Amino acid sequence: ESDPINREAEGPGTLTLRSLGWGALASLLGGLLFSIIMVVTGVLPRVAALVGGSSPVLGFVVHLIISALIGMSYGLLFEHESPNAGSSVAWGMLYGLVWWFIGPLTLMPILLGGTVTWTMQAADILLPSLLGHLIYGATLGLGVLWLERRHAGWLLLDRRIAAFQERVRRPVGTP
């Protein structure tokens, strides 16, 4: 593997760091869109309560930090998973749905000293949050896809990198 002509141009550490960065960057846009729903519903002070505060501004900052961490995990899990915009929106919305169950329905009540209540009443109250999570996920998926395509176009100038990108791209319709 020390042959500079035949070895991979980028190592796995570089790919991992890039996926983390793309997920964080794309999630900030999704988090900003989601925060509009949070402002309208008045949830930001409750998010601030996670760190012992009550200010909506603190809740906004905590929300963006959480969304960046979730986006980083999306970048790692779904790297090169979406060959087109439709599948990236679908993966992103699925990821947003999963985090709606994990976040406001499970972790938030526990971290604020309550109990988990997966009831129809709790889901009904958190319906605007579901919409926000779906918008966040779709934006996250499209953002990561856009960053991947932008970077891949630049990389295709090198034959070795073009061959690697072709190997990791999944054809449409594969699970």
N, C-alpha and C. Protein backbone atom coordinates (compact mmCIF):
# COMPACT_ATOMS: atom_id res chain seq x y z
N GLU A 1 0.81 -1.21 0.00
CA GLU A 1 0.00 0.00 0.00
C GLU A 1 0.84 1.26 0.00
N SER A 2 2.15 1.12 -0.04
CA SER A 2 2.98 2.31 -0.06
C SER A 2 3.22 2.82 -1.48
N ASP A 3 2.71 2.11 -2.47
CA ASP A 3 2.86 2.54 -3.86
C ASP A 3 1.99 3.79 -4.08
N PRO A 4 2.59 4.94 -4.36
CA PRO A 4 1.79 6.17 -4.48
C PRO A 4 0.88 6.20 -5.70
N ILE A 5 1.10 5.33 -6.66
CA ILE A 5 0.26 5.34 -7.86
C ILE A 5 -1.01 4.52 -7.65
N ASN A 6 -0.92 3.42 -6.91
CA ASN A 6 -2.05 2.51 -6.79
C ASN A 6 -2.81 2.63 -5.47
N ARG A 7 -2.36 3.39 -4.54
CA ARG A 7 -3.07 3.48 -3.27
C ARG A 7 -4.22 4.48 -3.38
N GLU A 8 -5.12 4.38 -2.42
CA GLU A 8 -6.26 5.30 -2.38
C GLU A 8 -5.75 6.72 -2.09
N ALA A 9 -6.38 7.68 -2.72
CA ALA A 9 -5.94 9.06 -2.58
C ALA A 9 -6.33 9.65 -1.23
N GLU A 10 -7.39 9.13 -0.63
CA GLU A 10 -7.85 9.63 0.67
C GLU A 10 -8.04 8.46 1.61
N GLY A 11 -7.70 8.67 2.85
CA GLY A 11 -7.84 7.61 3.84
C GLY A 11 -9.20 7.63 4.50
N PRO A 12 -9.51 6.60 5.29
CA PRO A 12 -10.82 6.54 5.95
C PRO A 12 -11.01 7.66 6.97
N GLY A 13 -9.94 8.13 7.58
CA GLY A 13 -10.07 9.23 8.53
C GLY A 13 -10.54 10.50 7.87
N THR A 14 -10.04 10.76 6.67
CA THR A 14 -10.46 11.94 5.91
C THR A 14 -11.93 11.85 5.55
N LEU A 15 -12.36 10.68 5.11
CA LEU A 15 -13.77 10.50 4.75
C LEU A 15 -14.68 10.67 5.95
N THR A 16 -14.26 10.15 7.10
CA THR A 16 -15.06 10.28 8.31
C THR A 16 -15.17 11.73 8.74
N LEU A 17 -14.06 12.44 8.75
CA LEU A 17 -14.10 13.85 9.13
C LEU A 17 -14.93 14.67 8.16
N ARG A 18 -14.85 14.36 6.88
CA ARG A 18 -15.66 15.07 5.90
C ARG A 18 -17.14 14.79 6.12
N SER A 19 -17.50 13.55 6.40
CA SER A 19 -18.90 13.21 6.65
C SER A 19 -19.43 13.92 7.89
N LEU A 20 -18.62 14.00 8.94
CA LEU A 20 -19.02 14.72 10.14
C LEU A 20 -19.25 16.20 9.83
N GLY A 21 -18.35 16.79 9.07
CA GLY A 21 -18.48 18.20 8.73
C GLY A 21 -19.67 18.49 7.85
N TRP A 22 -19.89 17.64 6.84
CA TRP A 22 -21.04 17.86 5.97
C TRP A 22 -22.35 17.70 6.72
N GLY A 23 -22.42 16.71 7.61
CA GLY A 23 -23.63 16.53 8.41
C GLY A 23 -23.88 17.71 9.31
N ALA A 24 -22.84 18.23 9.94
CA ALA A 24 -23.00 19.39 10.82
C ALA A 24 -23.42 20.62 10.02
N LEU A 25 -22.80 20.85 8.89
CA LEU A 25 -23.12 22.02 8.07
C LEU A 25 -24.55 21.95 7.54
N ALA A 26 -24.94 20.81 7.00
CA ALA A 26 -26.29 20.67 6.46
C ALA A 26 -27.33 20.75 7.57
N SER A 27 -27.00 20.26 8.75
CA SER A 27 -27.97 20.26 9.84
C SER A 27 -28.20 21.66 10.39
N LEU A 28 -27.24 22.55 10.24
CA LEU A 28 -27.47 23.92 10.72
C LEU A 28 -28.58 24.60 9.91
N LEU A 29 -28.62 24.36 8.61
CA LEU A 29 -29.71 24.90 7.81
C LEU A 29 -31.03 24.26 8.21
N GLY A 30 -31.04 22.95 8.39
CA GLY A 30 -32.25 22.27 8.85
C GLY A 30 -32.67 22.73 10.23
N GLY A 31 -31.70 22.96 11.12
CA GLY A 31 -32.01 23.45 12.46
C GLY A 31 -32.58 24.85 12.44
N LEU A 32 -32.11 25.68 11.52
CA LEU A 32 -32.68 27.04 11.39
C LEU A 32 -34.13 26.99 10.93
N LEU A 33 -34.42 26.12 9.96
CA LEU A 33 -35.81 25.98 9.52
C LEU A 33 -36.69 25.40 10.62
N PHE A 34 -36.17 24.43 11.34
CA PHE A 34 -36.92 23.83 12.45
C PHE A 34 -37.16 24.86 13.55
N SER A 35 -36.21 25.76 13.76
CA SER A 35 -36.37 26.74 14.84
C SER A 35 -37.53 27.70 14.59
N ILE A 36 -37.92 27.89 13.34
CA ILE A 36 -39.10 28.72 13.06
C ILE A 36 -40.33 28.10 13.72
N ILE A 37 -40.49 26.80 13.58
CA ILE A 37 -41.61 26.11 14.22
C ILE A 37 -41.49 26.17 15.73
N MET A 38 -40.27 26.08 16.24
CA MET A 38 -40.06 26.13 17.68
C MET A 38 -40.40 27.51 18.25
N VAL A 39 -40.09 28.55 17.51
CA VAL A 39 -40.43 29.90 17.96
C VAL A 39 -41.94 30.08 17.98
N VAL A 40 -42.61 29.63 16.94
CA VAL A 40 -44.05 29.79 16.85
C VAL A 40 -44.76 29.02 17.96
N THR A 41 -44.29 27.84 18.28
CA THR A 41 -44.94 27.03 19.31
C THR A 41 -44.44 27.34 20.72
N GLY A 42 -43.40 28.16 20.86
CA GLY A 42 -42.90 28.55 22.17
C GLY A 42 -42.14 27.48 22.92
N VAL A 43 -41.44 26.63 22.23
CA VAL A 43 -40.74 25.49 22.84
C VAL A 43 -39.32 25.83 23.26
N LEU A 44 -38.76 26.92 22.74
CA LEU A 44 -37.35 27.22 23.01
C LEU A 44 -37.02 27.37 24.50
N PRO A 45 -37.87 27.98 25.35
CA PRO A 45 -37.54 28.00 26.78
C PRO A 45 -37.45 26.60 27.40
N ARG A 46 -38.25 25.68 26.90
CA ARG A 46 -38.19 24.31 27.41
C ARG A 46 -36.89 23.64 27.00
N VAL A 47 -36.41 23.95 25.78
CA VAL A 47 -35.12 23.42 25.34
C VAL A 47 -34.00 24.01 26.18
N ALA A 48 -34.13 25.29 26.54
CA ALA A 48 -33.13 25.94 27.41
C ALA A 48 -33.10 25.30 28.78
N ALA A 49 -34.23 24.74 29.21
CA ALA A 49 -34.29 24.09 30.52
C ALA A 49 -33.41 22.84 30.57
N LEU A 50 -33.04 22.31 29.42
CA LEU A 50 -32.14 21.15 29.40
C LEU A 50 -30.78 21.47 30.01
N VAL A 51 -30.36 22.75 29.90
CA VAL A 51 -29.08 23.16 30.46
C VAL A 51 -29.26 24.09 31.66
N GLY A 52 -30.47 24.15 32.20
CA GLY A 52 -30.73 24.93 33.40
C GLY A 52 -31.11 26.38 33.16
N GLY A 53 -31.47 26.75 31.97
CA GLY A 53 -31.85 28.12 31.66
C GLY A 53 -33.31 28.23 31.31
N SER A 54 -33.73 29.45 30.95
CA SER A 54 -35.11 29.66 30.54
C SER A 54 -35.23 30.63 29.38
N SER A 55 -34.13 31.12 28.88
CA SER A 55 -34.13 32.11 27.81
C SER A 55 -34.38 31.44 26.45
N PRO A 56 -35.22 32.03 25.61
CA PRO A 56 -35.40 31.49 24.27
C PRO A 56 -34.11 31.54 23.45
N VAL A 57 -33.26 32.52 23.69
CA VAL A 57 -31.99 32.61 22.96
C VAL A 57 -31.10 31.43 23.34
N LEU A 58 -31.03 31.12 24.62
CA LEU A 58 -30.27 29.96 25.06
C LEU A 58 -30.86 28.68 24.49
N GLY A 59 -32.18 28.59 24.45
CA GLY A 59 -32.83 27.43 23.84
C GLY A 59 -32.49 27.29 22.37
N PHE A 60 -32.40 28.42 21.68
CA PHE A 60 -32.02 28.40 20.26
C PHE A 60 -30.59 27.88 20.10
N VAL A 61 -29.67 28.34 20.94
CA VAL A 61 -28.28 27.89 20.87
C VAL A 61 -28.18 26.39 21.18
N VAL A 62 -28.88 25.95 22.21
CA VAL A 62 -28.87 24.53 22.57
C VAL A 62 -29.47 23.71 21.43
N HIS A 63 -30.54 24.22 20.84
CA HIS A 63 -31.18 23.52 19.71
C HIS A 63 -30.22 23.38 18.54
N LEU A 64 -29.46 24.42 18.21
CA LEU A 64 -28.51 24.33 17.10
C LEU A 64 -27.37 23.37 17.41
N ILE A 65 -26.93 23.34 18.66
CA ILE A 65 -25.87 22.39 19.03
C ILE A 65 -26.38 20.95 18.91
N ILE A 66 -27.59 20.72 19.39
CA ILE A 66 -28.18 19.38 19.28
C ILE A 66 -28.38 19.00 17.81
N SER A 67 -28.87 19.94 17.02
CA SER A 67 -29.08 19.62 15.61
C SER A 67 -27.76 19.35 14.89
N ALA A 68 -26.70 20.05 15.27
CA ALA A 68 -25.39 19.78 14.65
C ALA A 68 -24.90 18.38 15.02
N LEU A 69 -25.08 17.97 16.26
CA LEU A 69 -24.67 16.62 16.67
C LEU A 69 -25.48 15.55 15.95
N ILE A 70 -26.77 15.77 15.81
CA ILE A 70 -27.61 14.81 15.10
C ILE A 70 -27.23 14.78 13.62
N GLY A 71 -26.93 15.93 13.06
CA GLY A 71 -26.50 15.99 11.67
C GLY A 71 -25.18 15.28 11.44
N MET A 72 -24.28 15.38 12.40
CA MET A 72 -23.00 14.68 12.29
C MET A 72 -23.23 13.16 12.26
N SER A 73 -24.15 12.69 13.09
CA SER A 73 -24.43 11.26 13.07
C SER A 73 -25.09 10.86 11.75
N TYR A 74 -25.93 11.73 11.19
CA TYR A 74 -26.51 11.45 9.88
C TYR A 74 -25.42 11.36 8.82
N GLY A 75 -24.48 12.28 8.86
CA GLY A 75 -23.38 12.27 7.90
C GLY A 75 -22.59 10.98 7.95
N LEU A 76 -22.37 10.45 9.14
CA LEU A 76 -21.65 9.18 9.27
C LEU A 76 -22.48 7.99 8.80
N LEU A 77 -23.74 7.97 9.18
CA LEU A 77 -24.57 6.81 8.87
C LEU A 77 -25.02 6.74 7.42
N PHE A 78 -25.25 7.89 6.79
CA PHE A 78 -25.84 7.90 5.46
C PHE A 78 -24.89 8.46 4.40
N GLU A 79 -23.60 8.33 4.61
CA GLU A 79 -22.62 8.77 3.63
C GLU A 79 -22.77 7.93 2.36
N HIS A 80 -22.90 8.57 1.22
CA HIS A 80 -23.05 7.94 -0.09
C HIS A 80 -24.27 7.02 -0.16
N GLU A 81 -25.26 7.28 0.64
CA GLU A 81 -26.44 6.40 0.66
C GLU A 81 -27.50 6.84 -0.35
N SER A 82 -27.50 8.10 -0.72
CA SER A 82 -28.55 8.63 -1.58
C SER A 82 -28.00 8.98 -2.96
N PRO A 83 -28.44 8.26 -3.99
CA PRO A 83 -27.96 8.59 -5.33
C PRO A 83 -28.71 9.75 -5.98
N ASN A 84 -29.88 10.13 -5.44
CA ASN A 84 -30.65 11.23 -6.03
C ASN A 84 -31.38 12.01 -4.94
N ALA A 85 -32.02 13.10 -5.35
CA ALA A 85 -32.67 13.98 -4.37
C ALA A 85 -33.86 13.31 -3.68
N GLY A 86 -34.61 12.51 -4.41
CA GLY A 86 -35.76 11.85 -3.81
C GLY A 86 -35.38 10.91 -2.68
N SER A 87 -34.35 10.12 -2.91
CA SER A 87 -33.94 9.19 -1.85
C SER A 87 -33.29 9.93 -0.69
N SER A 88 -32.61 11.04 -0.96
CA SER A 88 -32.01 11.78 0.15
C SER A 88 -33.09 12.43 1.01
N VAL A 89 -34.17 12.91 0.40
CA VAL A 89 -35.29 13.45 1.19
C VAL A 89 -35.94 12.34 2.00
N ALA A 90 -36.12 11.18 1.38
CA ALA A 90 -36.74 10.05 2.11
C ALA A 90 -35.89 9.61 3.29
N TRP A 91 -34.56 9.45 3.09
CA TRP A 91 -33.68 9.06 4.19
C TRP A 91 -33.68 10.13 5.27
N GLY A 92 -33.63 11.38 4.86
CA GLY A 92 -33.61 12.46 5.83
C GLY A 92 -34.89 12.54 6.65
N MET A 93 -36.04 12.39 5.98
CA MET A 93 -37.30 12.43 6.71
C MET A 93 -37.45 11.23 7.65
N LEU A 94 -36.96 10.08 7.22
CA LEU A 94 -36.98 8.92 8.10
C LEU A 94 -36.11 9.17 9.33
N TYR A 95 -34.95 9.78 9.11
CA TYR A 95 -34.06 10.09 10.23
C TYR A 95 -34.71 11.13 11.16
N GLY A 96 -35.39 12.11 10.58
CA GLY A 96 -36.11 13.09 11.39
C GLY A 96 -37.22 12.44 12.20
N LEU A 97 -37.93 11.48 11.61
CA LEU A 97 -38.99 10.77 12.33
C LEU A 97 -38.42 9.99 13.50
N VAL A 98 -37.31 9.31 13.26
CA VAL A 98 -36.67 8.55 14.34
C VAL A 98 -36.28 9.49 15.48
N TRP A 99 -35.73 10.66 15.16
CA TRP A 99 -35.33 11.60 16.20
C TRP A 99 -36.52 12.27 16.86
N TRP A 100 -37.68 12.29 16.23
CA TRP A 100 -38.88 12.78 16.90
C TRP A 100 -39.25 11.82 18.03
N PHE A 101 -39.12 10.53 17.77
CA PHE A 101 -39.39 9.55 18.84
C PHE A 101 -38.32 9.61 19.92
N ILE A 102 -37.06 9.72 19.51
CA ILE A 102 -35.96 9.72 20.48
C ILE A 102 -35.94 11.01 21.30
N GLY A 103 -36.11 12.15 20.62
CA GLY A 103 -35.96 13.45 21.27
C GLY A 103 -37.12 13.86 22.15
N PRO A 104 -38.17 14.49 21.57
CA PRO A 104 -39.23 15.05 22.40
C PRO A 104 -40.12 14.02 23.08
N LEU A 105 -40.23 12.82 22.51
CA LEU A 105 -41.08 11.82 23.14
C LEU A 105 -40.37 10.99 24.20
N THR A 106 -39.04 10.89 24.12
CA THR A 106 -38.32 10.01 25.03
C THR A 106 -37.31 10.76 25.90
N LEU A 107 -36.28 11.32 25.28
CA LEU A 107 -35.18 11.92 26.05
C LEU A 107 -35.58 13.23 26.75
N MET A 108 -36.33 14.08 26.08
CA MET A 108 -36.66 15.38 26.67
C MET A 108 -37.44 15.23 27.99
N PRO A 109 -38.49 14.40 28.03
CA PRO A 109 -39.17 14.23 29.33
C PRO A 109 -38.27 13.64 30.41
N ILE A 110 -37.41 12.71 30.04
CA ILE A 110 -36.52 12.10 31.02
C ILE A 110 -35.53 13.13 31.56
N LEU A 111 -34.91 13.91 30.63
CA LEU A 111 -33.91 14.90 31.06
C LEU A 111 -34.51 16.05 31.85
N LEU A 112 -35.80 16.31 31.68
CA LEU A 112 -36.46 17.37 32.44
C LEU A 112 -37.13 16.85 33.70
N GLY A 113 -36.87 15.60 34.05
CA GLY A 113 -37.36 15.06 35.31
C GLY A 113 -38.72 14.41 35.24
N GLY A 114 -39.27 14.22 34.07
CA GLY A 114 -40.58 13.58 33.92
C GLY A 114 -40.43 12.12 33.56
N THR A 115 -41.50 11.58 33.03
CA THR A 115 -41.50 10.19 32.59
C THR A 115 -41.85 10.14 31.11
N VAL A 116 -41.48 9.05 30.50
CA VAL A 116 -41.78 8.85 29.09
C VAL A 116 -43.25 8.48 28.95
N THR A 117 -43.95 9.22 28.12
CA THR A 117 -45.35 8.92 27.87
C THR A 117 -45.56 8.85 26.37
N TRP A 118 -45.59 7.65 25.87
CA TRP A 118 -45.86 7.45 24.45
C TRP A 118 -47.36 7.21 24.28
N THR A 119 -48.11 8.26 24.47
CA THR A 119 -49.55 8.17 24.33
C THR A 119 -50.00 9.01 23.14
N MET A 120 -51.24 8.83 22.77
CA MET A 120 -51.80 9.63 21.67
C MET A 120 -51.86 11.10 22.05
N GLN A 121 -52.13 11.40 23.34
CA GLN A 121 -52.19 12.79 23.78
C GLN A 121 -50.83 13.46 23.66
N ALA A 122 -49.77 12.76 24.06
CA ALA A 122 -48.42 13.33 23.96
C ALA A 122 -48.04 13.52 22.50
N ALA A 123 -48.36 12.56 21.64
CA ALA A 123 -48.05 12.70 20.21
C ALA A 123 -48.86 13.83 19.60
N ASP A 124 -50.09 14.00 20.03
CA ASP A 124 -50.93 15.09 19.52
C ASP A 124 -50.36 16.45 19.90
N ILE A 125 -49.88 16.57 21.12
CA ILE A 125 -49.28 17.83 21.58
C ILE A 125 -48.00 18.12 20.80
N LEU A 126 -47.25 17.07 20.49
CA LEU A 126 -45.96 17.23 19.82
C LEU A 126 -46.06 17.12 18.29
N LEU A 127 -47.26 17.24 17.74
CA LEU A 127 -47.42 17.17 16.29
C LEU A 127 -46.67 18.28 15.55
N PRO A 128 -46.65 19.53 16.03
CA PRO A 128 -45.81 20.53 15.35
C PRO A 128 -44.32 20.17 15.38
N SER A 129 -43.89 19.52 16.44
CA SER A 129 -42.51 19.08 16.52
C SER A 129 -42.22 18.01 15.48
N LEU A 130 -43.19 17.14 15.22
CA LEU A 130 -43.02 16.14 14.18
C LEU A 130 -42.82 16.81 12.82
N LEU A 131 -43.62 17.81 12.53
CA LEU A 131 -43.46 18.55 11.28
C LEU A 131 -42.07 19.18 11.21
N GLY A 132 -41.61 19.76 12.30
CA GLY A 132 -40.27 20.35 12.33
C GLY A 132 -39.18 19.33 12.13
N HIS A 133 -39.32 18.16 12.74
CA HIS A 133 -38.32 17.11 12.56
C HIS A 133 -38.29 16.61 11.12
N LEU A 134 -39.45 16.51 10.48
CA LEU A 134 -39.49 16.07 9.09
C LEU A 134 -38.86 17.10 8.16
N ILE A 135 -39.14 18.37 8.41
CA ILE A 135 -38.52 19.44 7.62
C ILE A 135 -37.01 19.44 7.85
N TYR A 136 -36.61 19.29 9.10
CA TYR A 136 -35.19 19.23 9.43
C TYR A 136 -34.52 18.07 8.68
N GLY A 137 -35.13 16.89 8.73
CA GLY A 137 -34.55 15.72 8.09
C GLY A 137 -34.45 15.87 6.57
N ALA A 138 -35.49 16.40 5.95
CA ALA A 138 -35.45 16.59 4.50
C ALA A 138 -34.37 17.58 4.12
N THR A 139 -34.24 18.67 4.87
CA THR A 139 -33.21 19.66 4.60
C THR A 139 -31.83 19.07 4.83
N LEU A 140 -31.69 18.30 5.88
CA LEU A 140 -30.42 17.64 6.18
C LEU A 140 -30.02 16.69 5.05
N GLY A 141 -30.95 15.87 4.61
CA GLY A 141 -30.65 14.93 3.53
C GLY A 141 -30.26 15.63 2.24
N LEU A 142 -31.01 16.66 1.87
CA LEU A 142 -30.68 17.40 0.64
C LEU A 142 -29.35 18.14 0.78
N GLY A 143 -29.09 18.68 1.96
CA GLY A 143 -27.83 19.40 2.18
C GLY A 143 -26.62 18.49 2.07
N VAL A 144 -26.71 17.31 2.67
CA VAL A 144 -25.59 16.37 2.59
C VAL A 144 -25.41 15.89 1.15
N LEU A 145 -26.51 15.63 0.45
CA LEU A 145 -26.41 15.22 -0.95
C LEU A 145 -25.75 16.31 -1.79
N TRP A 146 -26.14 17.55 -1.59
CA TRP A 146 -25.57 18.66 -2.35
C TRP A 146 -24.08 18.79 -2.08
N LEU A 147 -23.69 18.69 -0.81
CA LEU A 147 -22.26 18.78 -0.48
C LEU A 147 -21.47 17.61 -1.06
N GLU A 148 -22.06 16.40 -1.01
CA GLU A 148 -21.38 15.24 -1.60
C GLU A 148 -21.20 15.41 -3.11
N ARG A 149 -22.24 15.85 -3.80
CA ARG A 149 -22.15 16.03 -5.25
C ARG A 149 -21.17 17.13 -5.63
N ARG A 150 -21.19 18.19 -4.87
CA ARG A 150 -20.27 19.30 -5.14
C ARG A 150 -18.82 18.83 -5.00
N HIS A 151 -18.56 18.09 -3.94
CA HIS A 151 -17.22 17.58 -3.71
C HIS A 151 -16.84 16.51 -4.74
N ALA A 152 -17.77 15.63 -5.08
CA ALA A 152 -17.49 14.56 -6.03
C ALA A 152 -17.15 15.13 -7.41
N GLY A 153 -17.82 16.20 -7.81
CA GLY A 153 -17.51 16.82 -9.09
C GLY A 153 -16.08 17.34 -9.13
N TRP A 154 -15.64 17.88 -8.03
CA TRP A 154 -14.27 18.37 -7.95
C TRP A 154 -13.27 17.21 -7.95
N LEU A 155 -13.65 16.12 -7.30
CA LEU A 155 -12.74 14.97 -7.19
C LEU A 155 -12.61 14.19 -8.49
N LEU A 156 -13.58 14.29 -9.37
CA LEU A 156 -13.55 13.48 -10.58
C LEU A 156 -12.42 13.86 -11.52
N LEU A 157 -11.71 14.91 -11.20
CA LEU A 157 -10.56 15.29 -12.01
C LEU A 157 -9.41 14.29 -11.87
N ASP A 158 -9.36 13.58 -10.75
CA ASP A 158 -8.33 12.57 -10.52
C ASP A 158 -8.94 11.19 -10.80
N ARG A 159 -8.30 10.38 -11.67
CA ARG A 159 -8.84 9.08 -12.04
C ARG A 159 -8.97 8.14 -10.85
N ARG A 160 -8.02 8.16 -9.93
CA ARG A 160 -8.08 7.26 -8.76
C ARG A 160 -9.28 7.60 -7.89
N ILE A 161 -9.50 8.88 -7.67
CA ILE A 161 -10.61 9.28 -6.83
C ILE A 161 -11.93 9.02 -7.55
N ALA A 162 -11.98 9.22 -8.86
CA ALA A 162 -13.19 8.93 -9.63
C ALA A 162 -13.55 7.45 -9.53
N ALA A 163 -12.55 6.58 -9.58
CA ALA A 163 -12.80 5.14 -9.45
C ALA A 163 -13.32 4.81 -8.05
N PHE A 164 -12.77 5.44 -7.02
CA PHE A 164 -13.25 5.21 -5.66
C PHE A 164 -14.69 5.68 -5.50
N GLN A 165 -15.00 6.87 -6.00
CA GLN A 165 -16.36 7.40 -5.90
C GLN A 165 -17.35 6.49 -6.62
N GLU A 166 -16.95 5.92 -7.72
CA GLU A 166 -17.82 5.00 -8.45
C GLU A 166 -18.07 3.73 -7.64
N ARG A 167 -17.06 3.27 -6.91
CA ARG A 167 -17.21 2.07 -6.10
C ARG A 167 -18.16 2.28 -4.91
N VAL A 168 -18.16 3.45 -4.31
CA VAL A 168 -18.96 3.66 -3.11
C VAL A 168 -20.37 4.14 -3.43
N ARG A 169 -20.66 4.55 -4.64
CA ARG A 169 -22.00 5.02 -5.00
C ARG A 169 -22.92 3.82 -5.22
N ARG A 170 -24.04 3.86 -4.55
CA ARG A 170 -25.01 2.76 -4.69
C ARG A 170 -25.97 3.09 -5.84
N PRO A 171 -26.31 2.07 -6.62
CA PRO A 171 -27.29 2.31 -7.68
C PRO A 171 -28.68 2.53 -7.08
N VAL A 172 -29.52 3.22 -7.81
CA VAL A 172 -30.88 3.49 -7.35
C VAL A 172 -31.61 2.18 -7.17
N GLY A 173 -32.32 2.03 -6.07
CA GLY A 173 -33.10 0.84 -5.81
C GLY A 173 -32.42 -0.20 -4.95
N THR A 174 -31.19 0.02 -4.53
CA THR A 174 -30.54 -0.94 -3.64
C THR A 174 -30.80 -0.54 -2.21
N PRO A 175 -31.05 -1.49 -1.33
CA PRO A 175 -31.32 -1.15 0.07
C PRO A 175 -30.07 -0.75 0.80
